[in-house]
Structure formats: C-alpha cells, structure tokens
Amino acid sequence: MKKTIFITLLTIAICATAAYSQKQNQPFEKTNADAQKIIQFMTDWANLSNRHDVATLDKMLPADLVITFQDGEVQTKDEYIAALKKNPNNFAIKDFDQKVDLYNDDVAIIRARYEVTVGEIKAEFRYTTTFLKRKGRWEPIAFHSSPLVKK
C-alpha cells in the first residue's frame, strides 16, 4: 500500500513539474550536452544489461528508481537487477530514435523505441524515462515501457 501511494505521488509530482515547466521546454539539439549525457546514460544502461554487468548497474542506477513494464509490473532497482541475473545469455536490448525534452535545468524526459532480442525472438517497445538532475548528475527516477503497436 505504501509503495502504491509513493508511486502515485511521484507520478503526480513528475507530471506537475513537467506541465509547469512546459514553457521552459528546450528543444533537443544534437549539440546539447545535457541531452547527450542522458542518451549516453540510456545507451550505457542497455549495454550493461546486455552484458549482465549487475555490479556496474547497481552503482549507476539510483536506489529510488521505479521501473514499470508493459504488463503493469513494477520493479525497484534491486528487483530489476535480480531479474536481469536470470535473463538468458542471448538477451539483448538495442535503442533507436532517442529524443530528449529538457525542462528547466533539472528535469528531462527521454522517449525512444527499443528492441529486445532473445535468440531469434524479437519484440519492439517504446519507453519513456524521467530524469532528475541531482548534485549535477542526471539520474533516472521512472522508466515505463509499452509494446510497439504496428499499424
């Protein structure tokens, strides 16, 4: 119950911050250093997950990260890392079409498409990740993934 209340409050706070900051939105530019740091973070996250490098991910991901998957499952950072340890060796993630929206100097949203491969099986998804700048460093606080709907 406490976890549900916390996640609900966190979501409301993020939405309110993003809505309030909409006027401050800076369009993504390939030369924007903050946007590049966020894209690099997500690329590193995927690459470390592909290598099952849980030690580095444990240091890299913040303790309060909330991950929501397409089926509604919610995981903490620790639960994500524990699940990653169980993934098969031929599990791979690849990101595409990353776009970053920066709000003020301390909130960012990245949207992208990604592909998960396990052996010959492939699935495509979209994700949205919310970042906060803490002590000068961009950290993801919320990740949400949904299957890509093909028309």
Protein backbone atom coordinates (compact mmCIF):
# COMPACT_ATOMS: atom_id res chain seq x y z
CA MET A 1 0.00 0.00 0.00
CA LYS A 2 2.80 2.44 0.91
CA LYS A 3 4.60 1.57 -2.34
CA THR A 4 1.44 2.31 -4.38
CA ILE A 5 0.92 5.64 -2.62
CA PHE A 6 4.56 6.60 -3.14
CA ILE A 7 4.47 5.73 -6.85
CA THR A 8 1.21 7.65 -7.30
CA LEU A 9 2.61 10.73 -5.55
CA LEU A 10 5.84 10.51 -7.52
CA THR A 11 3.92 10.30 -10.80
CA ILE A 12 1.75 13.30 -9.86
CA ALA A 13 4.84 15.32 -8.89
CA ILE A 14 6.61 14.48 -12.15
CA CYS A 15 3.55 15.34 -14.25
CA ALA A 16 3.01 18.60 -12.37
CA THR A 17 6.65 19.57 -12.78
CA ALA A 18 6.62 18.75 -16.47
CA ALA A 19 3.33 20.63 -17.04
CA TYR A 20 4.54 23.68 -15.10
CA SER A 21 7.84 23.65 -16.94
CA GLN A 22 6.34 23.20 -20.40
CA LYS A 23 7.03 26.86 -21.20
CA GLN A 24 10.67 26.26 -20.29
CA ASN A 25 11.00 23.25 -22.61
CA GLN A 26 14.20 23.38 -24.61
CA PRO A 27 14.04 21.55 -27.94
CA PHE A 28 16.54 18.74 -28.27
CA GLU A 29 19.60 19.67 -30.23
CA LYS A 30 22.31 17.19 -31.11
CA THR A 31 24.82 19.61 -29.59
CA ASN A 32 23.01 19.90 -26.26
CA ALA A 33 25.40 18.47 -23.65
CA ASP A 34 22.68 17.50 -21.16
CA ALA A 35 20.65 15.69 -23.82
CA GLN A 36 23.77 13.85 -24.95
CA LYS A 37 24.53 12.78 -21.36
CA ILE A 38 21.02 11.38 -21.00
CA ILE A 39 21.19 9.49 -24.30
CA GLN A 40 24.59 8.12 -23.30
CA PHE A 41 23.20 7.04 -19.93
CA MET A 42 20.40 5.07 -21.62
CA THR A 43 22.86 3.55 -24.11
CA ASP A 44 25.15 2.52 -21.26
CA TRP A 45 22.20 1.08 -19.34
CA ALA A 46 21.25 -1.09 -22.35
CA ASN A 47 24.84 -2.19 -22.98
CA LEU A 48 25.43 -3.08 -19.32
CA SER A 49 22.15 -5.01 -19.25
CA ASN A 50 23.22 -6.90 -22.38
CA ARG A 51 26.46 -7.89 -20.64
CA HIS A 52 24.62 -8.72 -17.39
CA ASP A 53 27.00 -6.30 -15.64
CA VAL A 54 24.92 -6.05 -12.49
CA ALA A 55 27.76 -4.64 -10.38
CA THR A 56 28.12 -1.56 -12.59
CA LEU A 57 24.34 -1.18 -12.97
CA ASP A 58 23.98 -1.30 -9.20
CA LYS A 59 26.37 1.67 -8.91
CA MET A 60 24.88 3.52 -11.88
CA LEU A 61 21.14 3.29 -11.19
CA PRO A 62 19.69 5.29 -8.27
CA ALA A 63 18.15 3.40 -5.36
CA ASP A 64 14.75 5.08 -5.83
CA LEU A 65 14.33 4.11 -9.50
CA VAL A 66 10.84 2.81 -10.36
CA ILE A 67 10.51 0.63 -13.47
CA THR A 68 7.07 -0.10 -14.94
CA PHE A 69 6.73 -2.73 -17.65
CA GLN A 70 4.10 -3.16 -20.34
CA ASP A 71 2.15 -5.72 -18.31
CA GLY A 72 1.86 -3.33 -15.36
CA GLU A 73 4.59 -4.99 -13.31
CA VAL A 74 6.50 -2.50 -11.20
CA GLN A 75 10.07 -3.16 -10.12
CA THR A 76 12.55 -1.40 -7.91
CA LYS A 77 16.18 -1.13 -8.91
CA ASP A 78 17.06 -4.16 -6.78
CA GLU A 79 14.24 -6.23 -8.31
CA TYR A 80 15.36 -5.23 -11.82
CA ILE A 81 18.94 -6.29 -11.13
CA ALA A 82 17.79 -9.60 -9.61
CA ALA A 83 15.62 -10.29 -12.69
CA LEU A 84 18.47 -9.34 -15.02
CA LYS A 85 20.66 -12.01 -13.42
CA LYS A 86 18.10 -14.60 -14.56
CA ASN A 87 17.97 -13.45 -18.21
CA PRO A 88 19.48 -15.82 -20.76
CA ASN A 89 22.92 -15.01 -22.16
CA ASN A 90 21.46 -14.28 -25.62
CA PHE A 91 19.23 -11.50 -24.24
CA ALA A 92 19.91 -8.12 -25.90
CA ILE A 93 18.45 -4.60 -25.87
CA LYS A 94 19.01 -2.03 -28.61
CA ASP A 95 17.73 1.59 -28.53
CA PHE A 96 16.50 3.61 -31.52
CA ASP A 97 15.08 7.09 -32.17
CA GLN A 98 16.01 8.63 -28.83
CA LYS A 99 14.51 12.08 -28.23
CA VAL A 100 15.11 14.23 -25.17
CA ASP A 101 12.97 17.06 -23.80
CA LEU A 102 14.67 19.23 -21.18
CA TYR A 103 12.63 21.17 -18.61
CA ASN A 104 14.36 23.96 -16.73
CA ASP A 105 17.77 22.74 -15.62
CA ASP A 106 16.76 19.72 -13.59
CA VAL A 107 14.07 17.60 -15.29
CA ALA A 108 14.31 15.67 -18.55
CA ILE A 109 12.21 13.14 -20.38
CA ILE A 110 13.69 10.75 -22.93
CA ARG A 111 11.48 8.84 -25.34
CA ALA A 112 12.71 6.08 -27.57
CA ARG A 113 11.97 2.86 -29.34
CA TYR A 114 13.85 -0.27 -28.41
CA GLU A 115 14.14 -3.86 -29.47
CA VAL A 116 14.56 -6.84 -27.18
CA THR A 117 16.05 -9.97 -28.68
CA VAL A 118 16.29 -13.38 -27.07
CA GLY A 119 17.87 -15.73 -29.58
CA GLU A 120 15.74 -15.50 -32.73
CA ILE A 121 12.76 -13.92 -30.97
CA LYS A 122 12.42 -10.14 -31.30
CA ALA A 123 9.95 -7.70 -29.79
CA GLU A 124 9.73 -3.92 -30.18
CA PHE A 125 8.77 -1.47 -27.46
CA ARG A 126 8.65 2.23 -26.67
CA TYR A 127 9.93 3.68 -23.43
CA THR A 128 9.76 6.92 -21.55
CA THR A 129 12.27 7.66 -18.82
CA THR A 130 12.11 10.63 -16.47
CA PHE A 131 15.42 12.05 -15.24
CA LEU A 132 16.19 14.46 -12.43
CA LYS A 133 19.46 16.31 -12.09
CA ARG A 134 20.82 15.63 -8.62
CA LYS A 135 24.07 17.13 -7.42
CA GLY A 136 24.97 17.92 -11.03
CA ARG A 137 24.32 14.39 -12.32
CA TRP A 138 21.36 13.17 -14.41
CA GLU A 139 19.61 10.18 -12.78
CA PRO A 140 16.57 8.22 -13.99
CA ILE A 141 13.76 8.07 -11.45
CA ALA A 142 10.98 6.49 -13.52
CA PHE A 143 11.06 4.17 -16.54
CA HIS A 144 7.95 2.98 -18.41
CA SER A 145 7.84 0.54 -21.30
CA SER A 146 5.00 -0.40 -23.68
CA PRO A 147 4.83 -2.69 -26.71
CA LEU A 148 5.14 -1.00 -30.10
CA VAL A 149 1.79 -1.12 -31.88
CA LYS A 150 2.22 -1.70 -35.58
CA LYS A 151 -0.44 -0.33 -37.90
